[in-house]
Amino acid sequence: MSLELSRLCVLAKPLYGFKTLVEEGTGRILGAHLVGPGAEEVINLFGLAIRHDLTAEALKSTMFAYPTAASDISSML
């Protein structure tokens, strides 16, 4: 396989990444950064949690349909 073709194969794979900001002591969700498939679904759930002052523990204990991107939220907190 040529170098150019191998580079294209690597770039064509889905990438995932996240960073969540949770205040120590209160557990309040301060923000979230998401990259990858399903990010548009999950970022709205974090926005809803922030707007309504849900704690990380409250969001973590929420059940989401599986398999969806939202079902991974508990592992992000």
Protein backbone atom coordinates (compact mmCIF):
# COMPACT_ATOMS: atom_id res chain seq x y z
CA MET A 1 0.00 0.00 0.00
CA SER A 2 1.40 3.38 -0.90
CA LEU A 3 1.96 6.07 1.73
CA GLU A 4 -0.77 8.28 0.27
CA LEU A 5 -3.32 5.44 0.24
CA SER A 6 -2.50 4.44 3.83
CA ARG A 7 -2.91 8.06 4.95
CA LEU A 8 -6.35 8.18 3.32
CA CYS A 9 -7.39 4.98 5.09
CA VAL A 10 -6.43 6.44 8.46
CA LEU A 11 -8.24 9.71 7.78
CA ALA A 12 -11.41 7.92 6.65
CA LYS A 13 -11.96 6.28 10.05
CA PRO A 14 -14.41 7.89 12.49
CA LEU A 15 -12.82 9.90 15.28
CA TYR A 16 -14.31 10.38 18.72
CA GLY A 17 -13.35 12.69 21.51
CA PHE A 18 -14.89 14.46 24.45
CA LYS A 19 -14.04 16.66 27.40
CA THR A 20 -16.50 17.48 30.15
CA LEU A 21 -16.09 20.17 32.76
CA VAL A 22 -17.62 19.39 36.16
CA GLU A 23 -17.26 21.61 39.23
CA GLU A 24 -15.63 19.83 42.16
CA GLY A 25 -17.73 19.72 45.27
CA THR A 26 -21.08 20.57 43.67
CA GLY A 27 -20.94 18.22 40.67
CA ARG A 28 -22.41 20.99 38.51
CA ILE A 29 -21.77 20.54 34.79
CA LEU A 30 -19.94 23.60 33.48
CA GLY A 31 -19.39 22.57 29.87
CA ALA A 32 -18.69 19.86 27.34
CA HIS A 33 -16.68 19.54 24.14
CA LEU A 34 -17.56 16.74 21.74
CA VAL A 35 -16.17 15.57 18.40
CA GLY A 36 -17.37 12.65 16.33
CA PRO A 37 -20.47 10.86 15.11
CA GLY A 38 -23.50 11.64 17.25
CA ALA A 39 -21.96 14.76 18.79
CA GLU A 40 -24.89 16.88 17.59
CA GLU A 41 -27.27 14.69 19.61
CA VAL A 42 -25.23 14.53 22.80
CA ILE A 43 -24.19 18.20 22.98
CA ASN A 44 -27.86 19.18 23.15
CA LEU A 45 -28.32 16.92 26.17
CA PHE A 46 -25.38 18.56 27.90
CA GLY A 47 -26.85 21.98 27.06
CA LEU A 48 -30.17 20.95 28.58
CA ALA A 49 -28.43 19.67 31.71
CA ILE A 50 -26.47 22.92 32.10
CA ARG A 51 -29.53 25.11 31.56
CA HIS A 52 -31.55 23.22 34.18
CA ASP A 53 -28.68 22.90 36.70
CA LEU A 54 -28.53 19.11 36.63
CA THR A 55 -25.53 17.61 38.40
CA ALA A 56 -23.18 15.17 36.74
CA GLU A 57 -24.56 12.45 39.00
CA ALA A 58 -28.15 13.20 37.92
CA LEU A 59 -27.20 13.06 34.23
CA LYS A 60 -25.08 9.94 34.79
CA SER A 61 -28.01 8.09 36.36
CA THR A 62 -30.38 8.95 33.50
CA MET A 63 -31.21 6.01 31.25
CA PHE A 64 -30.85 6.57 27.50
CA ALA A 65 -31.85 4.25 24.66
CA TYR A 66 -29.13 1.84 23.57
CA PRO A 67 -27.40 1.86 21.15
CA THR A 68 -27.32 5.61 20.66
CA ALA A 69 -24.63 8.23 21.13
CA ALA A 70 -26.47 9.42 24.24
CA SER A 71 -26.05 6.02 25.90
CA ASP A 72 -22.35 6.88 26.30
CA ILE A 73 -22.97 9.97 28.47
CA SER A 74 -22.44 8.14 31.75
CA SER A 75 -18.91 7.20 30.71
CA MET A 76 -18.18 10.85 29.82
CA LEU A 77 -18.83 12.07 33.36
